[in-house]
Amino acid sequence: MLKFVIAALVALEIVLLSSWVIPPANATSPNSEVYIWDYASVGNSQMVCKKVVFHLENRPLPPGVEVQP
């Protein structure tokens, strides 16, 4: 019985420690990077992998714009 309790405590400790150290899969960073497949250029039939980076800016909203939580 004591072995099961110790094993359960060790498993719980591993789960808790890994949840604090490893970020969740759906976490986003301030500068998100996305890879997409797109044509190399207009009129070209070659598909290439392109990196798209989003740089978020903290700007004030224009007057009269309401944001819902």
PDB file of N, CA and C in Angstrom:
ATOM      1  N   MET A   1       0.821  -1.197   0.000  1.00  0.00           N
ATOM      2  CA  MET A   1       0.000   0.000   0.000  1.00  0.00           C
ATOM      3  C   MET A   1       0.861   1.256   0.000  1.00  0.00           C
ATOM      4  N   LEU A   2       1.922   1.224   0.779  1.00  0.00           N
ATOM      5  CA  LEU A   2       2.812   2.386   0.859  1.00  0.00           C
ATOM      6  C   LEU A   2       3.496   2.634  -0.483  1.00  0.00           C
ATOM      7  N   LYS A   3       3.780   1.559  -1.214  1.00  0.00           N
ATOM      8  CA  LYS A   3       4.406   1.708  -2.529  1.00  0.00           C
ATOM      9  C   LYS A   3       3.481   2.462  -3.493  1.00  0.00           C
ATOM     10  N   PHE A   4       2.190   2.157  -3.438  1.00  0.00           N
ATOM     11  CA  PHE A   4       1.232   2.834  -4.317  1.00  0.00           C
ATOM     12  C   PHE A   4       1.101   4.309  -3.967  1.00  0.00           C
ATOM     13  N   VAL A   5       1.128   4.626  -2.689  1.00  0.00           N
ATOM     14  CA  VAL A   5       1.030   6.019  -2.255  1.00  0.00           C
ATOM     15  C   VAL A   5       2.260   6.792  -2.713  1.00  0.00           C
ATOM     16  N   ILE A   6       3.433   6.201  -2.558  1.00  0.00           N
ATOM     17  CA  ILE A   6       4.675   6.860  -2.987  1.00  0.00           C
ATOM     18  C   ILE A   6       4.683   7.027  -4.502  1.00  0.00           C
ATOM     19  N   ALA A   7       4.263   6.005  -5.230  1.00  0.00           N
ATOM     20  CA  ALA A   7       4.218   6.097  -6.691  1.00  0.00           C
ATOM     21  C   ALA A   7       3.229   7.177  -7.133  1.00  0.00           C
ATOM     22  N   ALA A   8       2.087   7.278  -6.467  1.00  0.00           N
ATOM     23  CA  ALA A   8       1.108   8.303  -6.815  1.00  0.00           C
ATOM     24  C   ALA A   8       1.647   9.694  -6.522  1.00  0.00           C
ATOM     25  N   LEU A   9       2.338   9.869  -5.412  1.00  0.00           N
ATOM     26  CA  LEU A   9       2.916  11.171  -5.083  1.00  0.00           C
ATOM     27  C   LEU A   9       4.006  11.563  -6.073  1.00  0.00           C
ATOM     28  N   VAL A  10       4.830  10.612  -6.478  1.00  0.00           N
ATOM     29  CA  VAL A  10       5.879  10.892  -7.462  1.00  0.00           C
ATOM     30  C   VAL A  10       5.246  11.267  -8.804  1.00  0.00           C
ATOM     31  N   ALA A  11       4.209  10.544  -9.214  1.00  0.00           N
ATOM     32  CA  ALA A  11       3.535  10.864 -10.472  1.00  0.00           C
ATOM     33  C   ALA A  11       2.897  12.247 -10.411  1.00  0.00           C
ATOM     34  N   LEU A  12       2.283  12.580  -9.294  1.00  0.00           N
ATOM     35  CA  LEU A  12       1.681  13.903  -9.135  1.00  0.00           C
ATOM     36  C   LEU A  12       2.740  14.993  -9.175  1.00  0.00           C
ATOM     37  N   GLU A  13       3.874  14.746  -8.554  1.00  0.00           N
ATOM     38  CA  GLU A  13       4.967  15.724  -8.574  1.00  0.00           C
ATOM     39  C   GLU A  13       5.485  15.934  -9.991  1.00  0.00           C
ATOM     40  N   ILE A  14       5.627  14.873 -10.752  1.00  0.00           N
ATOM     41  CA  ILE A  14       6.105  14.987 -12.135  1.00  0.00           C
ATOM     42  C   ILE A  14       5.109  15.780 -12.975  1.00  0.00           C
ATOM     43  N   VAL A  15       3.829  15.512 -12.801  1.00  0.00           N
ATOM     44  CA  VAL A  15       2.805  16.235 -13.567  1.00  0.00           C
ATOM     45  C   VAL A  15       2.816  17.712 -13.214  1.00  0.00           C
ATOM     46  N   LEU A  16       2.885  18.033 -11.936  1.00  0.00           N
ATOM     47  CA  LEU A  16       2.879  19.439 -11.525  1.00  0.00           C
ATOM     48  C   LEU A  16       4.133  20.169 -11.985  1.00  0.00           C
ATOM     49  N   LEU A  17       5.284  19.542 -11.850  1.00  0.00           N
ATOM     50  CA  LEU A  17       6.520  20.195 -12.282  1.00  0.00           C
ATOM     51  C   LEU A  17       6.559  20.379 -13.790  1.00  0.00           C
ATOM     52  N   SER A  18       6.086  19.395 -14.533  1.00  0.00           N
ATOM     53  CA  SER A  18       6.115  19.531 -15.992  1.00  0.00           C
ATOM     54  C   SER A  18       5.117  20.580 -16.470  1.00  0.00           C
ATOM     55  N   SER A  19       4.019  20.770 -15.753  1.00  0.00           N
ATOM     56  CA  SER A  19       3.052  21.787 -16.170  1.00  0.00           C
ATOM     57  C   SER A  19       3.589  23.189 -15.926  1.00  0.00           C
ATOM     58  N   TRP A  20       4.501  23.366 -14.983  1.00  0.00           N
ATOM     59  CA  TRP A  20       5.081  24.686 -14.739  1.00  0.00           C
ATOM     60  C   TRP A  20       6.253  24.970 -15.667  1.00  0.00           C
ATOM     61  N   VAL A  21       6.962  23.946 -16.080  1.00  0.00           N
ATOM     62  CA  VAL A  21       8.169  24.124 -16.889  1.00  0.00           C
ATOM     63  C   VAL A  21       7.843  24.163 -18.372  1.00  0.00           C
ATOM     64  N   ILE A  22       6.990  23.278 -18.838  1.00  0.00           N
ATOM     65  CA  ILE A  22       6.670  23.167 -20.263  1.00  0.00           C
ATOM     66  C   ILE A  22       5.467  24.060 -20.568  1.00  0.00           C
ATOM     67  N   PRO A  23       5.594  24.987 -21.504  1.00  0.00           N
ATOM     68  CA  PRO A  23       4.445  25.847 -21.832  1.00  0.00           C
ATOM     69  C   PRO A  23       3.355  25.043 -22.536  1.00  0.00           C
ATOM     70  N   PRO A  24       2.112  25.437 -22.402  1.00  0.00           N
ATOM     71  CA  PRO A  24       1.037  24.724 -23.077  1.00  0.00           C
ATOM     72  C   PRO A  24       1.154  24.824 -24.596  1.00  0.00           C
ATOM     73  N   ALA A  25       0.557  23.887 -25.289  1.00  0.00           N
ATOM     74  CA  ALA A  25       0.694  23.826 -26.744  1.00  0.00           C
ATOM     75  C   ALA A  25       0.043  25.004 -27.450  1.00  0.00           C
ATOM     76  N   ASN A  26      -0.989  25.568 -26.874  1.00  0.00           N
ATOM     77  CA  ASN A  26      -1.675  26.665 -27.549  1.00  0.00           C
ATOM     78  C   ASN A  26      -1.208  28.035 -27.076  1.00  0.00           C
ATOM     79  N   ALA A  27      -0.090  28.096 -26.396  1.00  0.00           N
ATOM     80  CA  ALA A  27       0.432  29.381 -25.928  1.00  0.00           C
ATOM     81  C   ALA A  27       0.968  30.183 -27.113  1.00  0.00           C
ATOM     82  N   THR A  28       0.825  31.482 -27.042  1.00  0.00           N
ATOM     83  CA  THR A  28       1.338  32.343 -28.098  1.00  0.00           C
ATOM     84  C   THR A  28       2.367  33.292 -27.528  1.00  0.00           C
ATOM     85  N   SER A  29       3.306  33.642 -28.343  1.00  0.00           N
ATOM     86  CA  SER A  29       4.315  34.611 -27.936  1.00  0.00           C
ATOM     87  C   SER A  29       3.908  35.980 -28.471  1.00  0.00           C
ATOM     88  N   PRO A  30       4.493  37.051 -27.952  1.00  0.00           N
ATOM     89  CA  PRO A  30       4.136  38.384 -28.442  1.00  0.00           C
ATOM     90  C   PRO A  30       4.343  38.539 -29.949  1.00  0.00           C
ATOM     91  N   ASN A  31       5.397  37.959 -30.485  1.00  0.00           N
ATOM     92  CA  ASN A  31       5.640  37.989 -31.930  1.00  0.00           C
ATOM     93  C   ASN A  31       5.390  36.586 -32.472  1.00  0.00           C
ATOM     94  N   SER A  32       4.190  36.358 -32.978  1.00  0.00           N
ATOM     95  CA  SER A  32       3.820  35.030 -33.453  1.00  0.00           C
ATOM     96  C   SER A  32       4.406  34.780 -34.833  1.00  0.00           C
ATOM     97  N   GLU A  33       4.887  33.558 -35.038  1.00  0.00           N
ATOM     98  CA  GLU A  33       5.420  33.133 -36.332  1.00  0.00           C
ATOM     99  C   GLU A  33       4.543  32.013 -36.868  1.00  0.00           C
ATOM    100  N   VAL A  34       4.144  32.128 -38.129  1.00  0.00           N
ATOM    101  CA  VAL A  34       3.312  31.129 -38.781  1.00  0.00           C
ATOM    102  C   VAL A  34       3.961  30.785 -40.105  1.00  0.00           C
ATOM    103  N   TYR A  35       3.968  29.506 -40.450  1.00  0.00           N
ATOM    104  CA  TYR A  35       4.503  29.064 -41.735  1.00  0.00           C
ATOM    105  C   TYR A  35       3.336  28.661 -42.626  1.00  0.00           C
ATOM    106  N   ILE A  36       3.334  29.178 -43.863  1.00  0.00           N
ATOM    107  CA  ILE A  36       2.258  28.890 -44.803  1.00  0.00           C
ATOM    108  C   ILE A  36       2.851  28.431 -46.133  1.00  0.00           C
ATOM    109  N   TRP A  37       2.055  27.680 -46.881  1.00  0.00           N
ATOM    110  CA  TRP A  37       2.427  27.315 -48.243  1.00  0.00           C
ATOM    111  C   TRP A  37       1.782  28.319 -49.178  1.00  0.00           C
ATOM    112  N   ASP A  38       2.586  28.886 -50.063  1.00  0.00           N
ATOM    113  CA  ASP A  38       2.092  29.907 -50.986  1.00  0.00           C
ATOM    114  C   ASP A  38       2.903  29.818 -52.274  1.00  0.00           C
ATOM    115  N   TYR A  39       2.404  30.450 -53.314  1.00  0.00           N
ATOM    116  CA  TYR A  39       3.141  30.484 -54.580  1.00  0.00           C
ATOM    117  C   TYR A  39       4.361  31.392 -54.440  1.00  0.00           C
ATOM    118  N   ALA A  40       5.436  31.039 -55.139  1.00  0.00           N
ATOM    119  CA  ALA A  40       6.684  31.797 -55.042  1.00  0.00           C
ATOM    120  C   ALA A  40       6.497  33.232 -55.504  1.00  0.00           C
ATOM    121  N   SER A  41       5.746  33.437 -56.559  1.00  0.00           N
ATOM    122  CA  SER A  41       5.467  34.786 -57.055  1.00  0.00           C
ATOM    123  C   SER A  41       4.208  34.727 -57.911  1.00  0.00           C
ATOM    124  N   VAL A  42       3.729  35.877 -58.309  1.00  0.00           N
ATOM    125  CA  VAL A  42       2.528  35.943 -59.138  1.00  0.00           C
ATOM    126  C   VAL A  42       2.828  35.311 -60.495  1.00  0.00           C
ATOM    127  N   GLY A  43       1.978  34.412 -60.936  1.00  0.00           N
ATOM    128  CA  GLY A  43       2.165  33.753 -62.221  1.00  0.00           C
ATOM    129  C   GLY A  43       3.096  32.556 -62.158  1.00  0.00           C
ATOM    130  N   ASN A  44       3.616  32.219 -60.999  1.00  0.00           N
ATOM    131  CA  ASN A  44       4.519  31.089 -60.839  1.00  0.00           C
ATOM    132  C   ASN A  44       3.734  29.926 -60.245  1.00  0.00           C
ATOM    133  N   SER A  45       3.964  28.718 -60.731  1.00  0.00           N
ATOM    134  CA  SER A  45       3.241  27.555 -60.222  1.00  0.00           C
ATOM    135  C   SER A  45       4.007  26.824 -59.124  1.00  0.00           C
ATOM    136  N   GLN A  46       5.176  27.315 -58.751  1.00  0.00           N
ATOM    137  CA  GLN A  46       5.989  26.659 -57.724  1.00  0.00           C
ATOM    138  C   GLN A  46       5.487  27.057 -56.335  1.00  0.00           C
ATOM    139  N   MET A  47       5.228  26.042 -55.483  1.00  0.00           N
ATOM    140  CA  MET A  47       4.791  26.289 -54.115  1.00  0.00           C
ATOM    141  C   MET A  47       6.016  26.319 -53.197  1.00  0.00           C
ATOM    142  N   VAL A  48       6.057  27.312 -52.316  1.00  0.00           N
ATOM    143  CA  VAL A  48       7.158  27.434 -51.360  1.00  0.00           C
ATOM    144  C   VAL A  48       6.577  27.659 -49.970  1.00  0.00           C
ATOM    145  N   CYS A  49       7.376  27.355 -48.963  1.00  0.00           N
ATOM    146  CA  CYS A  49       6.986  27.577 -47.575  1.00  0.00           C
ATOM    147  C   CYS A  49       7.461  28.970 -47.173  1.00  0.00           C
ATOM    148  N   LYS A  50       6.531  29.802 -46.713  1.00  0.00           N
ATOM    149  CA  LYS A  50       6.875  31.166 -46.326  1.00  0.00           C
ATOM    150  C   LYS A  50       6.616  31.353 -44.836  1.00  0.00           C
ATOM    151  N   LYS A  51       7.469  32.144 -44.210  1.00  0.00           N
ATOM    152  CA  LYS A  51       7.283  32.461 -42.798  1.00  0.00           C
ATOM    153  C   LYS A  51       6.608  33.821 -42.687  1.00  0.00           C
ATOM    154  N   VAL A  52       5.510  33.861 -41.943  1.00  0.00           N
ATOM    155  CA  VAL A  52       4.780  35.101 -41.708  1.00  0.00           C
ATOM    156  C   VAL A  52       4.925  35.431 -40.227  1.00  0.00           C
ATOM    157  N   VAL A  53       5.409  36.633 -39.928  1.00  0.00           N
ATOM    158  CA  VAL A  53       5.622  37.053 -38.541  1.00  0.00           C
ATOM    159  C   VAL A  53       4.669  38.197 -38.230  1.00  0.00           C
ATOM    160  N   PHE A  54       3.971  38.074 -37.115  1.00  0.00           N
ATOM    161  CA  PHE A  54       3.058  39.118 -36.659  1.00  0.00           C
ATOM    162  C   PHE A  54       3.719  39.870 -35.516  1.00  0.00           C
ATOM    163  N   HIS A  55       3.922  41.167 -35.679  1.00  0.00           N
ATOM    164  CA  HIS A  55       4.469  42.020 -34.632  1.00  0.00           C
ATOM    165  C   HIS A  55       3.315  42.823 -34.040  1.00  0.00           C
ATOM    166  N   LEU A  56       2.956  42.499 -32.819  1.00  0.00           N
ATOM    167  CA  LEU A  56       1.837  43.180 -32.187  1.00  0.00           C
ATOM    168  C   LEU A  56       2.280  44.525 -31.633  1.00  0.00           C
ATOM    169  N   GLU A  57       1.428  45.507 -31.792  1.00  0.00           N
ATOM    170  CA  GLU A  57       1.714  46.845 -31.289  1.00  0.00           C
ATOM    171  C   GLU A  57       0.633  47.239 -30.290  1.00  0.00           C
ATOM    172  N   ASN A  58       1.046  47.849 -29.205  1.00  0.00           N
ATOM    173  CA  ASN A  58       0.088  48.375 -28.238  1.00  0.00           C
ATOM    174  C   ASN A  58      -0.239  49.808 -28.622  1.00  0.00           C
ATOM    175  N   ARG A  59      -1.357  49.964 -29.309  1.00  0.00           N
ATOM    176  CA  ARG A  59      -1.787  51.293 -29.729  1.00  0.00           C
ATOM    177  C   ARG A  59      -3.136  51.584 -29.096  1.00  0.00           C
ATOM    178  N   PRO A  60      -3.391  52.839 -28.770  1.00  0.00           N
ATOM    179  CA  PRO A  60      -4.717  53.172 -28.237  1.00  0.00           C
ATOM    180  C   PRO A  60      -5.784  53.036 -29.323  1.00  0.00           C
ATOM    181  N   LEU A  61      -6.970  52.642 -28.901  1.00  0.00           N
ATOM    182  CA  LEU A  61      -8.071  52.512 -29.850  1.00  0.00           C
ATOM    183  C   LEU A  61      -8.590  53.888 -30.239  1.00  0.00           C
ATOM    184  N   PRO A  62      -9.114  54.009 -31.442  1.00  0.00           N
ATOM    185  CA  PRO A  62      -9.696  55.291 -31.853  1.00  0.00           C
ATOM    186  C   PRO A  62     -10.896  55.638 -30.965  1.00  0.00           C
ATOM    187  N   PRO A  63     -11.198  56.911 -30.832  1.00  0.00           N
ATOM    188  CA  PRO A  63     -12.348  57.299 -30.010  1.00  0.00           C
ATOM    189  C   PRO A  63     -13.649  56.722 -30.565  1.00  0.00           C
ATOM    190  N   GLY A  64     -14.508  56.283 -29.674  1.00  0.00           N
ATOM    191  CA  GLY A  64     -15.798  55.731 -30.078  1.00  0.00           C
ATOM    192  C   GLY A  64     -15.787  54.228 -30.285  1.00  0.00           C
ATOM    193  N   VAL A  65     -14.633  53.577 -30.201  1.00  0.00           N
ATOM    194  CA  VAL A  65     -14.555  52.128 -30.386  1.00  0.00           C
ATOM    195  C   VAL A  65     -14.696  51.465 -29.024  1.00  0.00           C
ATOM    196  N   GLU A  66     -15.640  50.532 -28.932  1.00  0.00           N
ATOM    197  CA  GLU A  66     -15.856  49.816 -27.680  1.00  0.00           C
ATOM    198  C   GLU A  66     -15.338  48.391 -27.822  1.00  0.00           C
ATOM    199  N   VAL A  67     -14.715  47.884 -26.763  1.00  0.00           N
ATOM    200  CA  VAL A  67     -14.183  46.525 -26.756  1.00  0.00           C
ATOM    201  C   VAL A  67     -14.944  45.723 -25.721  1.00  0.00           C
ATOM    202  N   GLN A  68     -15.437  44.571 -26.132  1.00  0.00           N
ATOM    203  CA  GLN A  68     -16.134  43.690 -25.197  1.00  0.00           C
ATOM    204  C   GLN A  68     -15.160  42.639 -24.705  1.00  0.00           C
ATOM    205  N   PRO A  69     -15.212  42.286 -23.426  1.00  0.00           N
ATOM    206  CA  PRO A  69     -14.287  41.264 -22.894  1.00  0.00           C
ATOM    207  C   PRO A  69     -14.590  39.884 -23.409  1.00  0.00           C
TER     208      PRO A  69
END
